[in-house]
Amino acid sequence: MNKKHYLMMAFVSLLAAATFCACSKDDDEGGGGSGNPILGKTGAVAITIENGADYSDVIDEVRLVYGDMYVASRADYNNGSFTIDLPASVADKYLEAFEDDYPAGFTISNPSVKGATAWLSGYQSDKRKGSFRHSTGEWTGRELLYVTGDVSITGTAPDGAYNVHLKKGWNLVYEKKNEVTTSAPAGAKWQYK
């Protein structure tokens, strides 16, 4: 699977969580909009994991990883929580354009925007143990998506309906069967999987 195809598939997975961005201006003032804890953010982000203390003997470090396992930042895992730095930029070699990856019927508001997918992974003694997701039972917030500018991707195709509104910086996208959104589902919490 080539890099561009992987980015599209990762983005498709993330788009199912696109309810993150169906938000009003007031929602955005708290930094998350519609409960989305990472919507256009950069810099330090504090995260508390549901029942996170239970994993203290399994995880000692959290890494933000993208590309070919490039570690963008690291954080100590402390009794169920951590503060991770979301870099203000991503190297060009990890960025891919969205404009070529969507079928007819999709609208991309700003075709010049590029993106990169990343993961929050838990490690112990330098071995990957699992990942962190902002999810509910039905909706899954998987990878994080960095974008170089604000962009909306909307449309319907056989593999799903997309209502994604990304802000420059880092974003979470949610997926549920054939839906992708940036609006956090009700009751979403940070979980370790």
C-alpha atoms as a PDB file:
ATOM      1  CA  MET A   1       0.000   0.000   0.000  1.00  0.00           C
ATOM      2  CA  ASN A   2       1.578   3.288  -1.028  1.00  0.00           C
ATOM      3  CA  LYS A   3       1.867   6.306   1.265  1.00  0.00           C
ATOM      4  CA  LYS A   4      -0.847   8.336  -0.500  1.00  0.00           C
ATOM      5  CA  HIS A   5      -3.313   5.434  -0.399  1.00  0.00           C
ATOM      6  CA  TYR A   6      -2.543   4.897   3.297  1.00  0.00           C
ATOM      7  CA  LEU A   7      -3.164   8.578   4.065  1.00  0.00           C
ATOM      8  CA  MET A   8      -6.507   8.372   2.283  1.00  0.00           C
ATOM      9  CA  MET A   9      -7.502   5.219   4.181  1.00  0.00           C
ATOM     10  CA  ALA A  10      -6.410   6.722   7.494  1.00  0.00           C
ATOM     11  CA  PHE A  11      -8.296   9.890   6.718  1.00  0.00           C
ATOM     12  CA  VAL A  12     -11.365   7.881   5.729  1.00  0.00           C
ATOM     13  CA  SER A  13     -11.169   6.144   9.098  1.00  0.00           C
ATOM     14  CA  LEU A  14     -10.828   9.464  10.835  1.00  0.00           C
ATOM     15  CA  LEU A  15     -13.652  11.055   8.911  1.00  0.00           C
ATOM     16  CA  ALA A  16     -16.151   8.768  10.515  1.00  0.00           C
ATOM     17  CA  ALA A  17     -15.629  10.904  13.579  1.00  0.00           C
ATOM     18  CA  ALA A  18     -16.246  14.146  11.763  1.00  0.00           C
ATOM     19  CA  THR A  19     -18.963  15.209  14.156  1.00  0.00           C
ATOM     20  CA  PHE A  20     -16.121  17.007  15.950  1.00  0.00           C
ATOM     21  CA  CYS A  21     -16.504  20.108  13.816  1.00  0.00           C
ATOM     22  CA  ALA A  22     -20.234  20.518  13.617  1.00  0.00           C
ATOM     23  CA  CYS A  23     -19.833  23.236  16.192  1.00  0.00           C
ATOM     24  CA  SER A  24     -20.741  26.817  16.900  1.00  0.00           C
ATOM     25  CA  LYS A  25     -18.312  29.641  17.587  1.00  0.00           C
ATOM     26  CA  ASP A  26     -19.113  29.366  21.299  1.00  0.00           C
ATOM     27  CA  ASP A  27     -18.149  25.691  21.260  1.00  0.00           C
ATOM     28  CA  ASP A  28     -14.728  26.567  19.870  1.00  0.00           C
ATOM     29  CA  GLU A  29     -13.907  29.097  22.586  1.00  0.00           C
ATOM     30  CA  GLY A  30     -13.074  26.265  24.975  1.00  0.00           C
ATOM     31  CA  GLY A  31     -10.602  24.890  22.447  1.00  0.00           C
ATOM     32  CA  GLY A  32     -12.496  21.739  21.574  1.00  0.00           C
ATOM     33  CA  GLY A  33     -15.794  22.516  19.873  1.00  0.00           C
ATOM     34  CA  SER A  34     -18.531  19.897  20.258  1.00  0.00           C
ATOM     35  CA  GLY A  35     -16.442  18.110  22.843  1.00  0.00           C
ATOM     36  CA  ASN A  36     -13.521  17.605  20.460  1.00  0.00           C
ATOM     37  CA  PRO A  37     -10.441  17.865  22.691  1.00  0.00           C
ATOM     38  CA  ILE A  38      -8.048  18.301  19.756  1.00  0.00           C
ATOM     39  CA  LEU A  39      -9.362  20.552  17.010  1.00  0.00           C
ATOM     40  CA  GLY A  40      -6.723  22.759  15.440  1.00  0.00           C
ATOM     41  CA  LYS A  41      -4.508  22.504  18.499  1.00  0.00           C
ATOM     42  CA  THR A  42      -0.749  22.754  18.774  1.00  0.00           C
ATOM     43  CA  GLY A  43       1.433  22.881  21.872  1.00  0.00           C
ATOM     44  CA  ALA A  44       0.923  21.065  25.168  1.00  0.00           C
ATOM     45  CA  VAL A  45      -2.279  19.046  25.566  1.00  0.00           C
ATOM     46  CA  ALA A  46      -3.158  17.358  28.870  1.00  0.00           C
ATOM     47  CA  ILE A  47      -4.936  14.004  28.546  1.00  0.00           C
ATOM     48  CA  THR A  48      -6.482  11.852  31.275  1.00  0.00           C
ATOM     49  CA  ILE A  49      -7.279   8.234  30.410  1.00  0.00           C
ATOM     50  CA  GLU A  50     -10.446   6.533  31.646  1.00  0.00           C
ATOM     51  CA  ASN A  51      -9.338   4.101  34.410  1.00  0.00           C
ATOM     52  CA  GLY A  52      -5.830   5.192  33.479  1.00  0.00           C
ATOM     53  CA  ALA A  53      -4.216   4.272  36.786  1.00  0.00           C
ATOM     54  CA  ASP A  54      -4.927   0.619  35.914  1.00  0.00           C
ATOM     55  CA  TYR A  55      -2.301   0.858  33.144  1.00  0.00           C
ATOM     56  CA  SER A  56       0.508   2.389  35.185  1.00  0.00           C
ATOM     57  CA  ASP A  57       2.318  -0.952  35.352  1.00  0.00           C
ATOM     58  CA  VAL A  58       1.945  -1.423  31.578  1.00  0.00           C
ATOM     59  CA  ILE A  59       2.879   2.050  30.255  1.00  0.00           C
ATOM     60  CA  ASP A  60       5.685   4.390  31.238  1.00  0.00           C
ATOM     61  CA  GLU A  61       5.830   6.634  28.153  1.00  0.00           C
ATOM     62  CA  VAL A  62       3.487   8.044  25.500  1.00  0.00           C
ATOM     63  CA  ARG A  63       4.714   8.907  22.012  1.00  0.00           C
ATOM     64  CA  LEU A  64       3.180  10.935  19.197  1.00  0.00           C
ATOM     65  CA  VAL A  65       4.277   8.953  16.138  1.00  0.00           C
ATOM     66  CA  TYR A  66       3.801   9.580  12.410  1.00  0.00           C
ATOM     67  CA  GLY A  67       5.384   8.731   9.074  1.00  0.00           C
ATOM     68  CA  ASP A  68       7.762   5.799   9.203  1.00  0.00           C
ATOM     69  CA  MET A  69       7.540   5.632  12.997  1.00  0.00           C
ATOM     70  CA  TYR A  70       8.984   9.127  13.429  1.00  0.00           C
ATOM     71  CA  VAL A  71       8.570  10.151  17.081  1.00  0.00           C
ATOM     72  CA  ALA A  72       7.373  13.773  17.099  1.00  0.00           C
ATOM     73  CA  SER A  73       7.135  14.072  20.890  1.00  0.00           C
ATOM     74  CA  ARG A  74       7.225  12.028  24.086  1.00  0.00           C
ATOM     75  CA  ALA A  75       5.554  12.307  27.469  1.00  0.00           C
ATOM     76  CA  ASP A  76       5.807  10.461  30.764  1.00  0.00           C
ATOM     77  CA  TYR A  77       2.714   8.436  31.674  1.00  0.00           C
ATOM     78  CA  ASN A  78       1.814   9.405  35.243  1.00  0.00           C
ATOM     79  CA  ASN A  79      -0.911   7.436  37.008  1.00  0.00           C
ATOM     80  CA  GLY A  80      -3.380   7.653  34.133  1.00  0.00           C
ATOM     81  CA  SER A  81      -2.526  10.985  32.572  1.00  0.00           C
ATOM     82  CA  PHE A  82       0.086  12.698  30.445  1.00  0.00           C
ATOM     83  CA  THR A  83       0.788  16.013  28.755  1.00  0.00           C
ATOM     84  CA  ILE A  84       1.974  15.683  25.166  1.00  0.00           C
ATOM     85  CA  ASP A  85       3.351  18.375  22.880  1.00  0.00           C
ATOM     86  CA  LEU A  86       1.606  18.650  19.505  1.00  0.00           C
ATOM     87  CA  PRO A  87       4.200  20.245  17.189  1.00  0.00           C
ATOM     88  CA  ALA A  88       3.234  23.431  15.346  1.00  0.00           C
ATOM     89  CA  SER A  89       4.369  21.907  12.043  1.00  0.00           C
ATOM     90  CA  VAL A  90       5.134  18.617  10.319  1.00  0.00           C
ATOM     91  CA  ALA A  91       8.042  18.092   7.908  1.00  0.00           C
ATOM     92  CA  ASP A  92       7.029  18.276   4.237  1.00  0.00           C
ATOM     93  CA  LYS A  93       8.144  14.703   3.570  1.00  0.00           C
ATOM     94  CA  TYR A  94       5.304  13.418   5.814  1.00  0.00           C
ATOM     95  CA  LEU A  95       2.584  15.586   4.248  1.00  0.00           C
ATOM     96  CA  GLU A  96       0.203  14.426   1.493  1.00  0.00           C
ATOM     97  CA  ALA A  97      -2.355  16.405  -0.504  1.00  0.00           C
ATOM     98  CA  PHE A  98      -6.023  15.509  -0.091  1.00  0.00           C
ATOM     99  CA  GLU A  99      -7.129  16.719  -3.501  1.00  0.00           C
ATOM    100  CA  ASP A 100      -6.161  13.549  -5.384  1.00  0.00           C
ATOM    101  CA  ASP A 101      -7.572  11.073  -2.900  1.00  0.00           C
ATOM    102  CA  TYR A 102     -11.337  11.566  -3.035  1.00  0.00           C
ATOM    103  CA  PRO A 103     -13.886  10.261  -5.513  1.00  0.00           C
ATOM    104  CA  ALA A 104     -16.315  12.364  -7.542  1.00  0.00           C
ATOM    105  CA  GLY A 105     -19.039  13.859  -5.370  1.00  0.00           C
ATOM    106  CA  PHE A 106     -16.722  14.968  -2.597  1.00  0.00           C
ATOM    107  CA  THR A 107     -16.085  18.619  -1.911  1.00  0.00           C
ATOM    108  CA  ILE A 108     -12.723  19.752  -0.580  1.00  0.00           C
ATOM    109  CA  SER A 109     -12.954  23.392   0.450  1.00  0.00           C
ATOM    110  CA  ASN A 110      -9.228  24.092   0.182  1.00  0.00           C
ATOM    111  CA  PRO A 111      -7.466  21.652  -2.196  1.00  0.00           C
ATOM    112  CA  SER A 112      -4.017  23.067  -1.411  1.00  0.00           C
ATOM    113  CA  VAL A 113      -4.143  21.785   2.191  1.00  0.00           C
ATOM    114  CA  LYS A 114      -1.916  18.829   3.027  1.00  0.00           C
ATOM    115  CA  GLY A 115      -2.147  16.415   5.930  1.00  0.00           C
ATOM    116  CA  ALA A 116      -0.333  13.745   7.929  1.00  0.00           C
ATOM    117  CA  THR A 117      -1.722  11.062  10.222  1.00  0.00           C
ATOM    118  CA  ALA A 118      -0.277  10.291  13.647  1.00  0.00           C
ATOM    119  CA  TRP A 119      -0.943   8.050  16.627  1.00  0.00           C
ATOM    120  CA  LEU A 120      -0.702   8.386  20.398  1.00  0.00           C
ATOM    121  CA  SER A 121       0.975   5.145  21.449  1.00  0.00           C
ATOM    122  CA  GLY A 122       1.794   3.747  24.882  1.00  0.00           C
ATOM    123  CA  TYR A 123       5.242   2.249  25.512  1.00  0.00           C
ATOM    124  CA  GLN A 124       6.985   0.403  28.294  1.00  0.00           C
ATOM    125  CA  SER A 125      10.752  -0.056  28.245  1.00  0.00           C
ATOM    126  CA  ASP A 126      10.827   1.096  24.609  1.00  0.00           C
ATOM    127  CA  LYS A 127       8.259  -1.512  23.457  1.00  0.00           C
ATOM    128  CA  ARG A 128       4.900  -0.427  22.016  1.00  0.00           C
ATOM    129  CA  LYS A 129       2.010  -1.725  24.123  1.00  0.00           C
ATOM    130  CA  GLY A 130      -1.126  -0.076  22.688  1.00  0.00           C
ATOM    131  CA  SER A 131      -2.725   3.211  21.725  1.00  0.00           C
ATOM    132  CA  PHE A 132      -4.903   5.973  23.147  1.00  0.00           C
ATOM    133  CA  ARG A 133      -8.224   6.932  21.553  1.00  0.00           C
ATOM    134  CA  HIS A 134     -11.008   9.401  22.293  1.00  0.00           C
ATOM    135  CA  SER A 135     -14.001   7.101  21.817  1.00  0.00           C
ATOM    136  CA  THR A 136     -17.334   5.659  22.871  1.00  0.00           C
ATOM    137  CA  GLY A 137     -18.643   2.140  22.302  1.00  0.00           C
ATOM    138  CA  GLU A 138     -20.027   3.050  18.863  1.00  0.00           C
ATOM    139  CA  TRP A 139     -17.710   5.824  17.704  1.00  0.00           C
ATOM    140  CA  THR A 140     -13.959   5.441  17.427  1.00  0.00           C
ATOM    141  CA  GLY A 141     -11.529   8.328  17.444  1.00  0.00           C
ATOM    142  CA  ARG A 142      -8.425   6.786  15.975  1.00  0.00           C
ATOM    143  CA  GLU A 143      -5.493   8.619  14.509  1.00  0.00           C
ATOM    144  CA  LEU A 144      -4.775  12.297  14.853  1.00  0.00           C
ATOM    145  CA  LEU A 145      -4.600  14.319  11.679  1.00  0.00           C
ATOM    146  CA  TYR A 146      -2.314  17.305  11.166  1.00  0.00           C
ATOM    147  CA  VAL A 147      -3.373  19.735   8.425  1.00  0.00           C
ATOM    148  CA  THR A 148      -1.538  22.743   6.980  1.00  0.00           C
ATOM    149  CA  GLY A 149      -4.701  24.874   6.795  1.00  0.00           C
ATOM    150  CA  ASP A 150      -8.430  24.936   7.491  1.00  0.00           C
ATOM    151  CA  VAL A 151     -10.315  22.550   5.227  1.00  0.00           C
ATOM    152  CA  SER A 152     -13.738  20.905   5.040  1.00  0.00           C
ATOM    153  CA  ILE A 153     -14.272  17.595   3.300  1.00  0.00           C
ATOM    154  CA  THR A 154     -17.872  16.625   2.711  1.00  0.00           C
ATOM    155  CA  GLY A 155     -19.658  14.150   0.509  1.00  0.00           C
ATOM    156  CA  THR A 156     -21.049  10.662   0.211  1.00  0.00           C
ATOM    157  CA  ALA A 157     -19.525   7.614  -1.446  1.00  0.00           C
ATOM    158  CA  PRO A 158     -20.135   3.856  -1.252  1.00  0.00           C
ATOM    159  CA  ASP A 159     -17.610   3.601   1.584  1.00  0.00           C
ATOM    160  CA  GLY A 160     -19.128   6.372   3.706  1.00  0.00           C
ATOM    161  CA  ALA A 161     -20.521   9.822   4.377  1.00  0.00           C
ATOM    162  CA  TYR A 162     -18.068  12.563   5.301  1.00  0.00           C
ATOM    163  CA  ASN A 163     -18.746  15.731   7.263  1.00  0.00           C
ATOM    164  CA  VAL A 164     -15.271  16.774   8.324  1.00  0.00           C
ATOM    165  CA  HIS A 165     -14.205  20.304   9.199  1.00  0.00           C
ATOM    166  CA  LEU A 166     -10.507  20.475  10.064  1.00  0.00           C
ATOM    167  CA  LYS A 167      -8.628  23.419  11.494  1.00  0.00           C
ATOM    168  CA  LYS A 168      -4.975  24.181  10.850  1.00  0.00           C
ATOM    169  CA  GLY A 169      -2.959  22.140  13.330  1.00  0.00           C
ATOM    170  CA  TRP A 170      -3.902  18.821  14.925  1.00  0.00           C
ATOM    171  CA  ASN A 171      -7.383  17.304  14.761  1.00  0.00           C
ATOM    172  CA  LEU A 172      -9.257  14.227  15.922  1.00  0.00           C
ATOM    173  CA  VAL A 173     -11.638  12.532  13.528  1.00  0.00           C
ATOM    174  CA  TYR A 174     -14.283   9.992  14.534  1.00  0.00           C
ATOM    175  CA  GLU A 175     -15.616   6.955  12.693  1.00  0.00           C
ATOM    176  CA  LYS A 176     -18.822   4.940  13.037  1.00  0.00           C
ATOM    177  CA  LYS A 177     -19.535   2.333  10.374  1.00  0.00           C
ATOM    178  CA  ASN A 178     -19.884   4.449   7.221  1.00  0.00           C
ATOM    179  CA  GLU A 179     -19.771   7.892   8.823  1.00  0.00           C
ATOM    180  CA  VAL A 180     -16.778  10.122   9.419  1.00  0.00           C
ATOM    181  CA  THR A 181     -16.910  13.387  11.360  1.00  0.00           C
ATOM    182  CA  THR A 182     -14.946  15.851  13.477  1.00  0.00           C
ATOM    183  CA  SER A 183     -17.708  16.269  16.094  1.00  0.00           C
ATOM    184  CA  ALA A 184     -17.059  14.280  19.240  1.00  0.00           C
ATOM    185  CA  PRO A 185     -19.813  11.797  20.072  1.00  0.00           C
ATOM    186  CA  ALA A 186     -21.633  12.301  23.369  1.00  0.00           C
ATOM    187  CA  GLY A 187     -19.836  10.565  26.196  1.00  0.00           C
ATOM    188  CA  ALA A 188     -16.491  10.203  24.399  1.00  0.00           C
ATOM    189  CA  LYS A 189     -13.552   9.646  26.746  1.00  0.00           C
ATOM    190  CA  TRP A 190      -9.853   9.029  26.330  1.00  0.00           C
ATOM    191  CA  GLN A 191      -9.287   5.285  26.467  1.00  0.00           C
ATOM    192  CA  TYR A 192      -6.348   2.905  26.247  1.00  0.00           C
ATOM    193  CA  LYS A 193      -6.695   0.067  23.715  1.00  0.00           C
END
